[in-house]
Protein backbone atom coordinates (compact mmCIF):
# COMPACT_ATOMS: atom_id res chain seq x y z
CA MET A 1 237.05 28.54 162.49
CA PRO A 2 239.68 29.62 159.96
CA LYS A 3 242.88 27.60 159.61
CA VAL A 4 246.04 29.71 159.95
CA VAL A 5 249.50 28.52 158.86
CA PHE A 6 252.79 30.38 159.31
CA LEU A 7 254.51 28.67 156.40
CA ASP A 8 258.05 29.82 157.20
CA GLN A 9 257.82 28.47 160.74
CA GLY A 10 255.72 25.33 160.37
CA VAL A 11 253.18 26.61 162.89
CA ARG A 12 249.47 26.06 162.34
CA GLY A 13 246.15 26.13 164.12
CA GLU A 14 242.51 27.23 164.03
CA LEU A 15 241.42 30.57 165.44
CA PRO A 16 238.18 32.55 165.58
CA GLU A 17 237.34 34.74 162.60
CA GLY A 18 238.36 38.35 163.25
CA THR A 19 241.57 37.46 165.10
CA THR A 20 244.47 39.69 164.08
CA VAL A 21 247.50 38.01 162.53
CA LEU A 22 249.58 39.26 165.47
CA GLU A 23 247.16 37.68 167.97
CA ALA A 24 247.26 34.47 165.92
CA ALA A 25 251.07 34.41 166.01
CA ARG A 26 251.10 34.89 169.77
CA HIS A 27 248.45 32.22 170.34
CA LEU A 28 250.12 29.66 168.07
CA GLY A 29 253.69 30.36 169.20
CA ALA A 30 254.94 31.84 165.91
CA ARG A 31 257.71 34.42 166.05
CA LEU A 32 256.43 37.82 164.91
CA SER A 33 257.99 41.05 166.19
CA SER A 34 255.87 43.80 167.68
CA ILE A 35 257.83 46.54 169.40
CA CYS A 36 254.74 48.74 169.91
CA GLY A 37 252.59 45.90 171.27
CA GLY A 38 250.11 45.95 168.39
CA ALA A 39 249.33 49.67 168.22
CA GLY A 40 250.36 49.91 164.56
CA THR A 41 253.08 52.45 165.19
CA CYS A 42 256.29 50.46 164.59
CA SER A 43 255.59 48.30 161.49
CA THR A 44 257.70 45.42 162.82
CA CYS A 45 254.89 42.83 162.59
CA ARG A 46 255.04 42.59 158.80
CA VAL A 47 253.60 39.51 157.10
CA GLU A 48 252.82 38.41 153.59
CA CYS A 49 249.72 36.34 152.95
CA VAL A 50 250.84 33.90 150.24
CA VAL A 51 247.77 31.62 150.40
CA ASN A 52 244.27 33.14 150.19
CA PRO A 53 245.16 36.83 150.66
CA GLN A 54 241.49 37.64 150.04
CA ASN A 55 240.80 36.03 153.43
CA LEU A 56 242.37 38.97 155.28
CA SER A 57 240.49 42.15 156.13
CA PRO A 58 240.90 45.12 153.75
CA VAL A 59 244.12 47.15 153.98
CA GLU A 60 243.92 49.86 156.62
CA PRO A 61 245.07 53.44 155.87
CA LEU A 62 247.74 53.04 158.54
CA GLU A 63 249.26 50.19 156.54
CA ASP A 64 249.41 52.29 153.37
CA ALA A 65 251.40 54.93 155.26
CA TYR A 66 254.34 52.53 155.70
CA ASP A 67 254.76 51.74 151.97
CA MET A 68 255.80 48.16 152.72
CA GLY A 69 255.38 46.79 149.21
CA SER A 70 252.75 44.79 147.43
CA GLY A 71 251.01 42.15 149.50
CA VAL A 72 252.77 43.02 152.77
CA ARG A 73 250.50 43.67 155.73
CA LEU A 74 250.84 44.66 159.37
CA GLY A 75 249.98 41.70 161.57
CA CYS A 76 248.38 43.97 164.15
CA GLN A 77 245.99 45.46 161.58
CA ALA A 78 245.14 42.49 159.31
CA ARG A 79 242.26 40.38 160.60
CA ILE A 80 241.78 36.76 159.56
CA LEU A 81 238.46 36.12 157.82
CA GLY A 82 239.14 32.63 156.41
CA ASP A 83 241.90 30.07 155.84
CA VAL A 84 245.30 31.74 155.21
CA GLY A 85 248.94 30.86 154.67
CA LEU A 86 251.34 33.51 155.96
CA ARG A 87 255.04 34.16 156.09
CA THR A 88 256.84 36.71 158.22
CA VAL A 89 258.66 39.55 156.49
CA ARG A 90 261.93 40.67 157.97
CA ILE A 91 262.71 44.37 157.99
CA PRO A 92 266.10 45.01 156.38
CA LYS A 93 268.73 46.42 158.70
CA ALA A 94 269.72 50.01 158.05
CA VAL A 95 273.23 50.57 156.79
CA LEU A 96 274.82 53.79 157.96
CA ASP A 97 277.62 55.30 155.92
């Protein structure tokens, strides 16, 4: 089973291959937002895979639609295929003028 580490939270564990990053966070007790419950419609479950990014499933078209920046994935869409080191990505607060 792949080893998963949320580097910014010091949370780690082993989970079955094919588990989404969001499912992994919930199972391991890592804090990862998900307003839509994993449907891929809110983009709040953003993560960056900083160790072994090739061990995540290919980028889904839905993820491209959010234009989140290089290396940033949606936790509800990215599936774990091997050992990975992740960090959560905070969404900047909007500033209204």
